[in-house]
Amino acid sequence: MGYHKDIIPKGKLGEFSKVEEEFLELKDAFKQNHKILMLCEMADLVGSIEALANKMNMSLDDIIQMKNSTKESFEEGKRTN
């Protein structure tokens, strides 16, 4: 079966299915407490998100800008957990 214990359907790069695949692989690595594999899957997840964003005429920079705006809102007390 390779690195993963769970059966994970393959997705297509640039499609949401690939983001889901990489997330499920990360989840499996987390359940195994396999830190190196988690790092690999986090990198793959970012790559799949980047490919999906690019297909939608967005970029990782756009996502990071939104992430920073959300973080700032929490830090300023405008949003709470």
PDB file of N, CA and C in Angstrom:
ATOM      1  N   MET A   1       0.827  -1.196   0.000  1.00  0.00           N
ATOM      2  CA  MET A   1       0.000   0.000   0.000  1.00  0.00           C
ATOM      3  C   MET A   1       0.870   1.259   0.000  1.00  0.00           C
ATOM      4  N   GLY A   2       2.124   1.151   0.337  1.00  0.00           N
ATOM      5  CA  GLY A   2       2.986   2.327   0.325  1.00  0.00           C
ATOM      6  C   GLY A   2       2.969   3.046   1.656  1.00  0.00           C
ATOM      7  N   TYR A   3       3.025   4.357   1.607  1.00  0.00           N
ATOM      8  CA  TYR A   3       3.102   5.179   2.808  1.00  0.00           C
ATOM      9  C   TYR A   3       1.804   5.213   3.604  1.00  0.00           C
ATOM     10  N   HIS A   4       0.689   5.101   2.929  1.00  0.00           N
ATOM     11  CA  HIS A   4      -0.603   5.344   3.563  1.00  0.00           C
ATOM     12  C   HIS A   4      -1.308   4.062   3.958  1.00  0.00           C
ATOM     13  N   LYS A   5      -2.000   4.126   5.090  1.00  0.00           N
ATOM     14  CA  LYS A   5      -2.788   2.989   5.585  1.00  0.00           C
ATOM     15  C   LYS A   5      -4.199   3.025   4.997  1.00  0.00           C
ATOM     16  N   ASP A   6      -4.732   4.248   4.808  1.00  0.00           N
ATOM     17  CA  ASP A   6      -6.077   4.402   4.261  1.00  0.00           C
ATOM     18  C   ASP A   6      -6.052   4.293   2.734  1.00  0.00           C
ATOM     19  N   ILE A   7      -7.165   3.867   2.169  1.00  0.00           N
ATOM     20  CA  ILE A   7      -7.327   3.872   0.717  1.00  0.00           C
ATOM     21  C   ILE A   7      -7.828   5.264   0.347  1.00  0.00           C
ATOM     22  N   ILE A   8      -7.067   5.946  -0.501  1.00  0.00           N
ATOM     23  CA  ILE A   8      -7.355   7.344  -0.846  1.00  0.00           C
ATOM     24  C   ILE A   8      -7.520   7.455  -2.349  1.00  0.00           C
ATOM     25  N   PRO A   9      -8.701   7.919  -2.794  1.00  0.00           N
ATOM     26  CA  PRO A   9      -8.909   8.061  -4.237  1.00  0.00           C
ATOM     27  C   PRO A   9      -8.002   9.141  -4.830  1.00  0.00           C
ATOM     28  N   LYS A  10      -7.529   8.883  -6.024  1.00  0.00           N
ATOM     29  CA  LYS A  10      -6.659   9.835  -6.714  1.00  0.00           C
ATOM     30  C   LYS A  10      -7.476  10.976  -7.301  1.00  0.00           C
ATOM     31  N   GLY A  11      -6.932  12.176  -7.191  1.00  0.00           N
ATOM     32  CA  GLY A  11      -7.565  13.344  -7.782  1.00  0.00           C
ATOM     33  C   GLY A  11      -6.820  13.788  -9.025  1.00  0.00           C
ATOM     34  N   LYS A  12      -7.309  14.855  -9.609  1.00  0.00           N
ATOM     35  CA  LYS A  12      -6.700  15.416 -10.818  1.00  0.00           C
ATOM     36  C   LYS A  12      -6.156  16.796 -10.486  1.00  0.00           C
ATOM     37  N   LEU A  13      -4.865  17.023 -10.787  1.00  0.00           N
ATOM     38  CA  LEU A  13      -4.231  18.304 -10.500  1.00  0.00           C
ATOM     39  C   LEU A  13      -4.993  19.438 -11.178  1.00  0.00           C
ATOM     40  N   GLY A  14      -5.248  20.494 -10.418  1.00  0.00           N
ATOM     41  CA  GLY A  14      -5.998  21.636 -10.923  1.00  0.00           C
ATOM     42  C   GLY A  14      -7.486  21.519 -10.625  1.00  0.00           C
ATOM     43  N   GLU A  15      -7.889  20.390 -10.055  1.00  0.00           N
ATOM     44  CA  GLU A  15      -9.281  20.159  -9.687  1.00  0.00           C
ATOM     45  C   GLU A  15      -9.383  20.047  -8.165  1.00  0.00           C
ATOM     46  N   PHE A  16     -10.588  20.269  -7.639  1.00  0.00           N
ATOM     47  CA  PHE A  16     -10.784  20.154  -6.191  1.00  0.00           C
ATOM     48  C   PHE A  16     -10.466  18.745  -5.706  1.00  0.00           C
ATOM     49  N   SER A  17     -10.668  17.755  -6.566  1.00  0.00           N
ATOM     50  CA  SER A  17     -10.410  16.363  -6.180  1.00  0.00           C
ATOM     51  C   SER A  17      -8.966  16.146  -5.739  1.00  0.00           C
ATOM     52  N   LYS A  18      -8.016  16.901  -6.305  1.00  0.00           N
ATOM     53  CA  LYS A  18      -6.608  16.749  -5.919  1.00  0.00           C
ATOM     54  C   LYS A  18      -6.365  17.365  -4.541  1.00  0.00           C
ATOM     55  N   VAL A  19      -7.025  18.481  -4.253  1.00  0.00           N
ATOM     56  CA  VAL A  19      -6.931  19.086  -2.920  1.00  0.00           C
ATOM     57  C   VAL A  19      -7.449  18.087  -1.886  1.00  0.00           C
ATOM     58  N   GLU A  20      -8.584  17.465  -2.203  1.00  0.00           N
ATOM     59  CA  GLU A  20      -9.166  16.481  -1.293  1.00  0.00           C
ATOM     60  C   GLU A  20      -8.234  15.288  -1.104  1.00  0.00           C
ATOM     61  N   GLU A  21      -7.653  14.800  -2.186  1.00  0.00           N
ATOM     62  CA  GLU A  21      -6.706  13.681  -2.089  1.00  0.00           C
ATOM     63  C   GLU A  21      -5.551  14.025  -1.161  1.00  0.00           C
ATOM     64  N   GLU A  22      -4.952  15.197  -1.374  1.00  0.00           N
ATOM     65  CA  GLU A  22      -3.796  15.578  -0.562  1.00  0.00           C
ATOM     66  C   GLU A  22      -4.184  15.790   0.901  1.00  0.00           C
ATOM     67  N   PHE A  23      -5.382  16.336   1.135  1.00  0.00           N
ATOM     68  CA  PHE A  23      -5.858  16.498   2.513  1.00  0.00           C
ATOM     69  C   PHE A  23      -6.021  15.133   3.188  1.00  0.00           C
ATOM     70  N   LEU A  24      -6.628  14.180   2.472  1.00  0.00           N
ATOM     71  CA  LEU A  24      -6.826  12.849   3.043  1.00  0.00           C
ATOM     72  C   LEU A  24      -5.493  12.149   3.293  1.00  0.00           C
ATOM     73  N   GLU A  25      -4.513  12.382   2.431  1.00  0.00           N
ATOM     74  CA  GLU A  25      -3.177  11.822   2.659  1.00  0.00           C
ATOM     75  C   GLU A  25      -2.536  12.463   3.883  1.00  0.00           C
ATOM     76  N   LEU A  26      -2.714  13.760   4.054  1.00  0.00           N
ATOM     77  CA  LEU A  26      -2.202  14.438   5.250  1.00  0.00           C
ATOM     78  C   LEU A  26      -2.886  13.894   6.502  1.00  0.00           C
ATOM     79  N   LYS A  27      -4.186  13.701   6.429  1.00  0.00           N
ATOM     80  CA  LYS A  27      -4.945  13.158   7.562  1.00  0.00           C
ATOM     81  C   LYS A  27      -4.426  11.771   7.932  1.00  0.00           C
ATOM     82  N   ASP A  28      -4.165  10.941   6.930  1.00  0.00           N
ATOM     83  CA  ASP A  28      -3.639   9.604   7.168  1.00  0.00           C
ATOM     84  C   ASP A  28      -2.246   9.676   7.807  1.00  0.00           C
ATOM     85  N   ALA A  29      -1.398  10.561   7.305  1.00  0.00           N
ATOM     86  CA  ALA A  29      -0.057  10.725   7.875  1.00  0.00           C
ATOM     87  C   ALA A  29      -0.148  11.200   9.330  1.00  0.00           C
ATOM     88  N   PHE A  30      -1.100  12.077   9.616  1.00  0.00           N
ATOM     89  CA  PHE A  30      -1.316  12.577  10.977  1.00  0.00           C
ATOM     90  C   PHE A  30      -1.744  11.431  11.892  1.00  0.00           C
ATOM     91  N   LYS A  31      -2.662  10.597  11.424  1.00  0.00           N
ATOM     92  CA  LYS A  31      -3.116   9.451  12.225  1.00  0.00           C
ATOM     93  C   LYS A  31      -1.963   8.501  12.528  1.00  0.00           C
ATOM     94  N   GLN A  32      -1.010   8.415  11.607  1.00  0.00           N
ATOM     95  CA  GLN A  32       0.161   7.559  11.803  1.00  0.00           C
ATOM     96  C   GLN A  32       1.233   8.243  12.654  1.00  0.00           C
ATOM     97  N   ASN A  33       1.044   9.542  12.926  1.00  0.00           N
ATOM     98  CA  ASN A  33       2.045  10.351  13.641  1.00  0.00           C
ATOM     99  C   ASN A  33       3.399  10.287  12.932  1.00  0.00           C
ATOM    100  N   HIS A  34       3.356  10.361  11.608  1.00  0.00           N
ATOM    101  CA  HIS A  34       4.548  10.275  10.759  1.00  0.00           C
ATOM    102  C   HIS A  34       4.893  11.700  10.310  1.00  0.00           C
ATOM    103  N   LYS A  35       5.772  12.346  11.077  1.00  0.00           N
ATOM    104  CA  LYS A  35       6.036  13.773  10.873  1.00  0.00           C
ATOM    105  C   LYS A  35       6.641  14.095   9.515  1.00  0.00           C
ATOM    106  N   ILE A  36       7.548  13.274   9.037  1.00  0.00           N
ATOM    107  CA  ILE A  36       8.159  13.534   7.729  1.00  0.00           C
ATOM    108  C   ILE A  36       7.115  13.407   6.631  1.00  0.00           C
ATOM    109  N   LEU A  37       6.270  12.395   6.736  1.00  0.00           N
ATOM    110  CA  LEU A  37       5.202  12.217   5.747  1.00  0.00           C
ATOM    111  C   LEU A  37       4.201  13.370   5.830  1.00  0.00           C
ATOM    112  N   MET A  38       3.913  13.855   7.047  1.00  0.00           N
ATOM    113  CA  MET A  38       3.015  15.008   7.186  1.00  0.00           C
ATOM    114  C   MET A  38       3.595  16.213   6.461  1.00  0.00           C
ATOM    115  N   LEU A  39       4.895  16.451   6.606  1.00  0.00           N
ATOM    116  CA  LEU A  39       5.544  17.571   5.925  1.00  0.00           C
ATOM    117  C   LEU A  39       5.413  17.429   4.412  1.00  0.00           C
ATOM    118  N   CYS A  40       5.643  16.236   3.912  1.00  0.00           N
ATOM    119  CA  CYS A  40       5.515  15.978   2.477  1.00  0.00           C
ATOM    120  C   CYS A  40       4.088  16.244   2.003  1.00  0.00           C
ATOM    121  N   GLU A  41       3.111  15.757   2.771  1.00  0.00           N
ATOM    122  CA  GLU A  41       1.716  15.929   2.376  1.00  0.00           C
ATOM    123  C   GLU A  41       1.260  17.383   2.501  1.00  0.00           C
ATOM    124  N   MET A  42       1.792  18.116   3.480  1.00  0.00           N
ATOM    125  CA  MET A  42       1.463  19.547   3.565  1.00  0.00           C
ATOM    126  C   MET A  42       1.985  20.277   2.325  1.00  0.00           C
ATOM    127  N   ALA A  43       3.192  19.922   1.893  1.00  0.00           N
ATOM    128  CA  ALA A  43       3.745  20.534   0.682  1.00  0.00           C
ATOM    129  C   ALA A  43       2.895  20.182  -0.538  1.00  0.00           C
ATOM    130  N   ASP A  44       2.475  18.917  -0.623  1.00  0.00           N
ATOM    131  CA  ASP A  44       1.622  18.494  -1.735  1.00  0.00           C
ATOM    132  C   ASP A  44       0.269  19.197  -1.688  1.00  0.00           C
ATOM    133  N   LEU A  45      -0.256  19.397  -0.485  1.00  0.00           N
ATOM    134  CA  LEU A  45      -1.538  20.087  -0.334  1.00  0.00           C
ATOM    135  C   LEU A  45      -1.423  21.530  -0.826  1.00  0.00           C
ATOM    136  N   VAL A  46      -0.350  22.204  -0.444  1.00  0.00           N
ATOM    137  CA  VAL A  46      -0.137  23.578  -0.921  1.00  0.00           C
ATOM    138  C   VAL A  46      -0.032  23.595  -2.445  1.00  0.00           C
ATOM    139  N   GLY A  47       0.682  22.629  -3.001  1.00  0.00           N
ATOM    140  CA  GLY A  47       0.805  22.556  -4.462  1.00  0.00           C
ATOM    141  C   GLY A  47      -0.532  22.341  -5.143  1.00  0.00           C
ATOM    142  N   SER A  48      -1.377  21.493  -4.558  1.00  0.00           N
ATOM    143  CA  SER A  48      -2.688  21.248  -5.163  1.00  0.00           C
ATOM    144  C   SER A  48      -3.590  22.473  -5.040  1.00  0.00           C
ATOM    145  N   ILE A  49      -3.478  23.199  -3.929  1.00  0.00           N
ATOM    146  CA  ILE A  49      -4.245  24.443  -3.757  1.00  0.00           C
ATOM    147  C   ILE A  49      -3.755  25.489  -4.745  1.00  0.00           C
ATOM    148  N   GLU A  50      -2.444  25.557  -4.932  1.00  0.00           N
ATOM    149  CA  GLU A  50      -1.886  26.507  -5.894  1.00  0.00           C
ATOM    150  C   GLU A  50      -2.397  26.219  -7.307  1.00  0.00           C
ATOM    151  N   ALA A  51      -2.410  24.956  -7.695  1.00  0.00           N
ATOM    152  CA  ALA A  51      -2.875  24.590  -9.039  1.00  0.00           C
ATOM    153  C   ALA A  51      -4.359  24.939  -9.218  1.00  0.00           C
ATOM    154  N   LEU A  52      -5.172  24.683  -8.192  1.00  0.00           N
ATOM    155  CA  LEU A  52      -6.593  25.022  -8.264  1.00  0.00           C
ATOM    156  C   LEU A  52      -6.779  26.532  -8.332  1.00  0.00           C
ATOM    157  N   ALA A  53      -6.041  27.268  -7.508  1.00  0.00           N
ATOM    158  CA  ALA A  53      -6.133  28.732  -7.518  1.00  0.00           C
ATOM    159  C   ALA A  53      -5.738  29.287  -8.876  1.00  0.00           C
ATOM    160  N   ASN A  54      -4.644  28.779  -9.441  1.00  0.00           N
ATOM    161  CA  ASN A  54      -4.202  29.254 -10.761  1.00  0.00           C
ATOM    162  C   ASN A  54      -5.264  29.023 -11.824  1.00  0.00           C
ATOM    163  N   LYS A  55      -5.937  27.883 -11.748  1.00  0.00           N
ATOM    164  CA  LYS A  55      -7.000  27.581 -12.710  1.00  0.00           C
ATOM    165  C   LYS A  55      -8.147  28.586 -12.589  1.00  0.00           C
ATOM    166  N   MET A  56      -8.302  29.152 -11.392  1.00  0.00           N
ATOM    167  CA  MET A  56      -9.371  30.120 -11.129  1.00  0.00           C
ATOM    168  C   MET A  56      -8.862  31.563 -11.218  1.00  0.00           C
ATOM    169  N   ASN A  57      -7.698  31.731 -11.881  1.00  0.00           N
ATOM    170  CA  ASN A  57      -7.075  33.045 -12.052  1.00  0.00           C
ATOM    171  C   ASN A  57      -6.756  33.728 -10.725  1.00  0.00           C
ATOM    172  N   MET A  58      -6.305  32.930  -9.765  1.00  0.00           N
ATOM    173  CA  MET A  58      -5.842  33.425  -8.470  1.00  0.00           C
ATOM    174  C   MET A  58      -4.448  32.848  -8.242  1.00  0.00           C
ATOM    175  N   SER A  59      -3.816  33.288  -7.169  1.00  0.00           N
ATOM    176  CA  SER A  59      -2.475  32.801  -6.870  1.00  0.00           C
ATOM    177  C   SER A  59      -2.338  32.529  -5.374  1.00  0.00           C
ATOM    178  N   LEU A  60      -1.232  31.881  -5.018  1.00  0.00           N
ATOM    179  CA  LEU A  60      -0.942  31.700  -3.596  1.00  0.00           C
ATOM    180  C   LEU A  60      -0.797  33.049  -2.904  1.00  0.00           C
ATOM    181  N   ASP A  61      -0.268  34.041  -3.607  1.00  0.00           N
ATOM    182  CA  ASP A  61      -0.161  35.387  -3.027  1.00  0.00           C
ATOM    183  C   ASP A  61      -1.531  35.938  -2.658  1.00  0.00           C
ATOM    184  N   ASP A  62      -2.536  35.689  -3.497  1.00  0.00           N
ATOM    185  CA  ASP A  62      -3.903  36.124  -3.191  1.00  0.00           C
ATOM    186  C   ASP A  62      -4.413  35.424  -1.928  1.00  0.00           C
ATOM    187  N   ILE A  63      -4.138  34.126  -1.830  1.00  0.00           N
ATOM    188  CA  ILE A  63      -4.582  33.360  -0.667  1.00  0.00           C
ATOM    189  C   ILE A  63      -3.887  33.861   0.588  1.00  0.00           C
ATOM    190  N   ILE A  64      -2.595  34.117   0.496  1.00  0.00           N
ATOM    191  CA  ILE A  64      -1.841  34.609   1.654  1.00  0.00           C
ATOM    192  C   ILE A  64      -2.323  35.996   2.063  1.00  0.00           C
ATOM    193  N   GLN A  65      -2.651  36.832   1.096  1.00  0.00           N
ATOM    194  CA  GLN A  65      -3.190  38.153   1.410  1.00  0.00           C
ATOM    195  C   GLN A  65      -4.493  38.017   2.209  1.00  0.00           C
ATOM    196  N   MET A  66      -5.368  37.105   1.798  1.00  0.00           N
ATOM    197  CA  MET A  66      -6.621  36.885   2.519  1.00  0.00           C
ATOM    198  C   MET A  66      -6.353  36.318   3.899  1.00  0.00           C
ATOM    199  N   LYS A  67      -5.401  35.391   3.994  1.00  0.00           N
ATOM    200  CA  LYS A  67      -5.019  34.814   5.286  1.00  0.00           C
ATOM    201  C   LYS A  67      -4.547  35.894   6.229  1.00  0.00           C
ATOM    202  N   ASN A  68      -3.726  36.808   5.716  1.00  0.00           N
ATOM    203  CA  ASN A  68      -3.214  37.905   6.545  1.00  0.00           C
ATOM    204  C   ASN A  68      -4.326  38.843   6.993  1.00  0.00           C
ATOM    205  N   SER A  69      -5.277  39.103   6.121  1.00  0.00           N
ATOM    206  CA  SER A  69      -6.420  39.951   6.489  1.00  0.00           C
ATOM    207  C   SER A  69      -7.233  39.307   7.607  1.00  0.00           C
ATOM    208  N   THR A  70      -7.454  38.009   7.498  1.00  0.00           N
ATOM    209  CA  THR A  70      -8.198  37.290   8.538  1.00  0.00           C
ATOM    210  C   THR A  70      -7.430  37.314   9.855  1.00  0.00           C
ATOM    211  N   LYS A  71      -6.134  37.065   9.796  1.00  0.00           N
ATOM    212  CA  LYS A  71      -5.295  37.082  11.000  1.00  0.00           C
ATOM    213  C   LYS A  71      -5.356  38.449  11.662  1.00  0.00           C
ATOM    214  N   GLU A  72      -5.250  39.486  10.858  1.00  0.00           N
ATOM    215  CA  GLU A  72      -5.303  40.860  11.375  1.00  0.00           C
ATOM    216  C   GLU A  72      -6.647  41.131  12.062  1.00  0.00           C
ATOM    217  N   SER A  73      -7.728  40.655  11.479  1.00  0.00           N
ATOM    218  CA  SER A  73      -9.050  40.839  12.080  1.00  0.00           C
ATOM    219  C   SER A  73      -9.130  40.181  13.456  1.00  0.00           C
ATOM    220  N   PHE A  74      -8.562  38.988  13.575  1.00  0.00           N
ATOM    221  CA  PHE A  74      -8.549  38.310  14.875  1.00  0.00           C
ATOM    222  C   PHE A  74      -7.679  39.072  15.871  1.00  0.00           C
ATOM    223  N   GLU A  75      -6.516  39.520  15.416  1.00  0.00           N
ATOM    224  CA  GLU A  75      -5.602  40.248  16.305  1.00  0.00           C
ATOM    225  C   GLU A  75      -6.207  41.568  16.794  1.00  0.00           C
ATOM    226  N   GLU A  76      -7.012  42.193  15.953  1.00  0.00           N
ATOM    227  CA  GLU A  76      -7.649  43.461  16.320  1.00  0.00           C
ATOM    228  C   GLU A  76      -8.939  43.244  17.122  1.00  0.00           C
ATOM    229  N   GLY A  77      -9.322  42.004  17.312  1.00  0.00           N
ATOM    230  CA  GLY A  77     -10.524  41.697  18.063  1.00  0.00           C
ATOM    231  C   GLY A  77     -11.804  41.830  17.261  1.00  0.00           C
ATOM    232  N   LYS A  78     -11.683  42.014  15.950  1.00  0.00           N
ATOM    233  CA  LYS A  78     -12.865  42.137  15.103  1.00  0.00           C
ATOM    234  C   LYS A  78     -13.519  40.783  14.847  1.00  0.00           C
ATOM    235  N   ARG A  79     -12.733  39.724  15.013  1.00  0.00           N
ATOM    236  CA  ARG A  79     -13.244  38.352  14.902  1.00  0.00           C
ATOM    237  C   ARG A  79     -12.748  37.578  16.107  1.00  0.00           C
ATOM    238  N   THR A  80     -13.516  36.618  16.535  1.00  0.00           N
ATOM    239  CA  THR A  80     -13.115  35.779  17.657  1.00  0.00           C
ATOM    240  C   THR A  80     -13.279  34.316  17.291  1.00  0.00           C
ATOM    241  N   ASN A  81     -12.574  33.478  18.029  1.00  0.00           N
ATOM    242  CA  ASN A  81     -12.676  32.024  17.787  1.00  0.00           C
ATOM    243  C   ASN A  81     -14.013  31.492  18.227  1.00  0.00           C
TER     244      ASN A  81
END
